[in-house]
Amino acid sequence: MRFAIVESGGKQYRAVEGRTIEVDRLPVDAGNKFDFDRVLLMADGDDILVGTPTVSDILVKVTVVDHIKGPKIDRFKYRPKKRIRVRGGHRQQYTRLIVDFIGRPDEDRKTEAKPEKTVEADDLTKIEGIGPKVSKTLIAAGISTFEALSNTTVEDIQKTLTDAGLRMMDATTWPQQAKLAAQGDWDGLKKLQDDLSGGRKASAEKKPAAKKTSKK
């Protein structure tokens, strides 16, 4: 397995042929290709080249896959006696790259590593309570199939939604619905959804109290 240590934005990353890496956001559109300017180390089995500080005549070719956001980080500033309380949040932006080639410019060979297998996403909006915005949030968090959703705890789903600013959602029944969808039990899913209201378990309606009749 051939890999290299590259530098981007003052940080070092381990780049492996045929695999993806995430670096701080770069001003490059998705689908474009480029080479890393600074390669600090290259290793191919037992052969290791260490730069001083960079390795000359070694190229690391990558392709921009997409731009993503990291998890939300809350920050809170408090100053006693001045009654200053400031709360905010931040989501770091990253660029996902796939490493196409590591080696010398005159080297003609195919990469040994195979690209990572992509999993086709399911239509999560078939789960009652999930709309297009929530579906995009779950997919961005790596929950793109019914099976993945069914294996995710309600607590983890709620945390993902809260980090994305979606605080009024109730995911209590989503794993149960997703399990039926993953099994292809659409009749069972429909029967379950008939008892739900907006993805929540419908509460039993209280019967109005009987009117008392006065005796004459």
Protein backbone atom coordinates (compact mmCIF):
# COMPACT_ATOMS: atom_id res chain seq x y z
CA MET A 1 0.00 0.00 0.00
CA ARG A 2 1.48 3.31 -1.07
CA PHE A 3 0.77 6.41 1.00
CA ALA A 4 2.15 9.89 1.52
CA ILE A 5 2.13 12.62 4.15
CA VAL A 6 1.01 15.90 2.59
CA GLU A 7 0.61 19.40 3.93
CA SER A 8 -2.46 21.56 3.36
CA GLY A 9 -3.35 24.75 5.19
CA GLY A 10 -0.51 24.27 7.66
CA LYS A 11 -1.78 20.81 8.66
CA GLN A 12 -0.46 17.35 7.78
CA TYR A 13 -2.63 14.55 6.38
CA ARG A 14 -2.07 10.89 5.51
CA ALA A 15 -3.06 10.29 1.88
CA VAL A 16 -3.58 6.69 0.70
CA GLU A 17 -4.06 5.81 -2.98
CA GLY A 18 -7.66 5.06 -3.86
CA ARG A 19 -9.05 6.38 -0.56
CA THR A 20 -10.55 9.66 0.56
CA ILE A 21 -9.23 12.28 2.97
CA GLU A 22 -10.87 15.34 4.46
CA VAL A 23 -8.91 18.60 4.66
CA ASP A 24 -9.84 22.15 5.61
CA ARG A 25 -12.04 23.63 2.87
CA LEU A 26 -10.18 24.50 -0.33
CA PRO A 27 -11.24 27.04 -2.98
CA VAL A 28 -11.66 24.30 -5.60
CA ASP A 29 -14.94 23.20 -7.17
CA ALA A 30 -16.15 19.61 -6.89
CA GLY A 31 -14.91 17.43 -9.74
CA ASN A 32 -11.68 19.38 -10.31
CA LYS A 33 -8.25 17.77 -10.02
CA PHE A 34 -5.03 19.19 -8.59
CA ASP A 35 -1.65 18.17 -7.10
CA PHE A 36 -0.45 18.82 -3.57
CA ASP A 37 2.44 21.29 -3.51
CA ARG A 38 4.10 19.93 -0.37
CA VAL A 39 4.76 16.20 0.02
CA LEU A 40 6.65 15.50 3.24
CA LEU A 41 6.94 11.72 3.05
CA MET A 42 6.18 8.83 0.72
CA ALA A 43 6.10 5.15 1.69
CA ASP A 44 5.72 2.12 -0.58
CA GLY A 45 6.07 -1.03 1.47
CA ASP A 46 9.57 -0.99 3.00
CA ASP A 47 10.73 1.88 0.77
CA ILE A 48 10.34 5.19 2.60
CA LEU A 49 11.34 8.63 1.31
CA VAL A 50 11.53 11.38 3.93
CA GLY A 51 11.64 14.97 2.80
CA THR A 52 13.94 17.74 4.04
CA PRO A 53 11.40 19.17 4.47
CA THR A 54 9.68 18.02 1.23
CA VAL A 55 10.25 15.10 -1.12
CA SER A 56 11.24 16.20 -4.62
CA ASP A 57 9.79 14.69 -7.82
CA ILE A 58 6.87 13.06 -6.01
CA LEU A 59 3.32 13.87 -7.05
CA VAL A 60 0.12 13.35 -5.08
CA LYS A 61 -2.81 13.75 -7.48
CA VAL A 62 -6.29 14.19 -6.01
CA THR A 63 -9.84 14.90 -7.16
CA VAL A 64 -12.32 17.03 -5.22
CA VAL A 65 -15.36 14.90 -4.30
CA ASP A 66 -17.47 17.46 -2.42
CA HIS A 67 -17.50 20.05 0.34
CA ILE A 68 -18.95 19.09 3.73
CA LYS A 69 -19.48 20.52 7.21
CA GLY A 70 -18.25 19.05 10.45
CA PRO A 71 -20.29 18.61 13.64
CA LYS A 72 -21.58 21.71 15.38
CA ILE A 73 -19.46 22.98 18.26
CA ASP A 74 -21.19 25.16 20.86
CA ARG A 75 -19.30 27.98 22.53
CA PHE A 76 -20.29 30.02 25.56
CA LYS A 77 -18.71 33.24 26.85
CA TYR A 78 -19.46 34.37 30.40
CA ARG A 79 -18.10 37.32 32.33
CA PRO A 80 -19.14 37.57 35.96
CA LYS A 81 -20.29 40.88 37.45
CA LYS A 82 -20.85 42.29 33.94
CA ARG A 83 -23.84 40.11 33.09
CA ILE A 84 -22.34 39.14 29.74
CA ARG A 85 -23.51 35.76 28.46
CA VAL A 86 -22.91 35.01 24.80
CA ARG A 87 -23.68 31.65 23.25
CA GLY A 88 -22.89 30.64 19.69
CA GLY A 89 -21.98 27.73 17.50
CA HIS A 90 -19.55 26.83 14.75
CA ARG A 91 -19.37 24.13 12.07
CA GLN A 92 -15.98 23.72 10.42
CA GLN A 93 -16.06 23.34 6.64
CA TYR A 94 -14.04 20.58 4.99
CA THR A 95 -13.22 19.39 1.48
CA ARG A 96 -13.36 15.66 0.76
CA LEU A 97 -10.69 14.46 -1.69
CA ILE A 98 -9.99 11.13 -3.32
CA VAL A 99 -6.33 10.27 -3.88
CA ASP A 100 -5.85 9.22 -7.51
CA PHE A 101 -2.08 8.74 -7.73
CA ILE A 102 1.11 8.88 -5.64
CA GLY A 103 4.48 8.59 -7.36
CA ARG A 104 6.95 10.13 -9.79
CA PRO A 105 5.76 12.11 -12.84
CA ASP A 106 7.32 9.63 -15.31
CA GLU A 107 5.90 6.60 -13.51
CA ASP A 108 3.25 4.76 -15.52
CA ARG A 109 1.16 2.41 -13.42
CA LYS A 110 -2.35 1.89 -12.12
CA THR A 111 -3.20 2.38 -8.48
CA GLU A 112 -3.45 -0.89 -6.62
CA ALA A 113 -6.12 0.22 -4.17
CA LYS A 114 -9.70 0.01 -5.34
CA PRO A 115 -12.03 2.95 -4.83
CA GLU A 116 -14.34 2.69 -1.88
CA LYS A 117 -17.68 1.06 -2.61
CA THR A 118 -20.53 3.52 -2.62
CA VAL A 119 -23.86 2.64 -1.10
CA GLU A 120 -26.98 3.85 -2.87
CA ALA A 121 -29.07 6.00 -0.55
CA ASP A 122 -32.69 5.09 0.23
CA ASP A 123 -35.59 7.54 0.12
CA LEU A 124 -35.72 8.35 3.81
CA THR A 125 -38.76 10.58 3.31
CA LYS A 126 -40.84 7.38 3.23
CA ILE A 127 -40.39 7.37 7.00
CA GLU A 128 -43.22 9.40 8.52
CA GLY A 129 -41.78 12.46 10.24
CA ILE A 130 -38.80 12.82 7.87
CA GLY A 131 -38.92 15.56 5.26
CA PRO A 132 -36.40 16.58 2.58
CA LYS A 133 -34.38 18.81 4.96
CA VAL A 134 -34.13 16.14 7.66
CA SER A 135 -33.26 13.53 5.01
CA LYS A 136 -30.31 15.64 3.80
CA THR A 137 -29.14 16.11 7.39
CA LEU A 138 -29.18 12.36 8.09
CA ILE A 139 -27.40 11.53 4.81
CA ALA A 140 -24.70 14.11 5.60
CA ALA A 141 -24.21 12.35 8.95
CA GLY A 142 -23.71 8.99 7.21
CA ILE A 143 -27.25 7.67 7.75
CA SER A 144 -28.34 7.17 4.15
CA THR A 145 -30.19 3.82 4.16
CA PHE A 146 -33.15 2.30 5.97
CA GLU A 147 -30.83 -0.30 7.51
CA ALA A 148 -28.44 2.34 8.83
CA LEU A 149 -31.34 4.31 10.30
CA SER A 150 -32.80 1.21 11.96
CA ASN A 151 -29.43 0.48 13.62
CA THR A 152 -29.07 4.03 14.98
CA THR A 153 -30.33 4.80 18.46
CA VAL A 154 -32.98 7.45 18.98
CA GLU A 155 -30.52 9.40 21.17
CA ASP A 156 -27.91 9.54 18.38
CA ILE A 157 -30.53 10.61 15.83
CA GLN A 158 -31.78 13.37 18.12
CA LYS A 159 -28.19 14.59 18.68
CA THR A 160 -27.60 14.73 14.93
CA LEU A 161 -30.77 16.76 14.47
CA THR A 162 -29.96 19.07 17.37
CA ASP A 163 -26.45 19.73 16.02
CA ALA A 164 -28.07 20.72 12.71
CA GLY A 165 -30.45 23.13 14.43
CA LEU A 166 -33.50 20.87 14.11
CA ARG A 167 -34.74 20.89 17.69
CA MET A 168 -38.47 20.23 17.30
CA MET A 169 -38.24 16.74 15.78
CA ASP A 170 -39.30 13.50 17.47
CA ALA A 171 -37.38 10.47 16.15
CA THR A 172 -38.85 7.96 18.61
CA THR A 173 -40.45 5.75 15.93
CA TRP A 174 -37.95 6.27 13.10
CA PRO A 175 -35.74 3.19 13.77
CA GLN A 176 -38.85 1.02 14.06
CA GLN A 177 -40.23 2.35 10.77
CA ALA A 178 -36.84 2.02 9.08
CA LYS A 179 -36.52 -1.62 10.15
CA LEU A 180 -39.79 -2.49 8.41
CA ALA A 181 -38.72 -0.54 5.30
CA ALA A 182 -35.33 -2.30 5.24
CA GLN A 183 -37.12 -5.67 5.35
CA GLY A 184 -39.44 -4.61 2.54
CA ASP A 185 -42.48 -4.99 4.80
CA TRP A 186 -44.42 -2.09 3.31
CA ASP A 187 -47.76 -3.39 4.55
CA GLY A 188 -46.43 -3.52 8.09
CA LEU A 189 -44.97 -0.03 7.67
CA LYS A 190 -48.29 1.35 6.45
CA LYS A 191 -50.12 -0.28 9.35
CA LEU A 192 -47.66 1.27 11.79
CA GLN A 193 -47.88 4.69 10.17
CA ASP A 194 -51.69 4.58 10.37
CA ASP A 195 -51.31 4.74 14.14
CA LEU A 196 -48.86 7.68 13.98
CA SER A 197 -49.36 11.41 13.73
CA GLY A 198 -46.46 13.25 12.12
CA GLY A 199 -44.18 10.36 13.02
CA ARG A 200 -45.25 10.41 16.65
CA LYS A 201 -47.42 7.90 18.44
CA ALA A 202 -50.89 9.38 18.48
CA SER A 203 -52.23 9.92 21.98
CA ALA A 204 -55.62 8.52 22.78
CA GLU A 205 -58.27 11.21 22.54
CA LYS A 206 -60.09 11.87 25.73
CA LYS A 207 -63.80 11.33 25.55
CA PRO A 208 -65.88 14.33 26.53
CA ALA A 209 -67.42 14.04 29.97
CA ALA A 210 -71.09 13.13 29.98
CA LYS A 211 -73.39 15.99 30.85
CA LYS A 212 -75.21 15.63 34.12
CA THR A 213 -78.95 15.84 33.86
CA SER A 214 -80.75 17.54 36.68
CA LYS A 215 -83.63 15.71 38.24
CA LYS A 216 -86.84 17.60 38.62
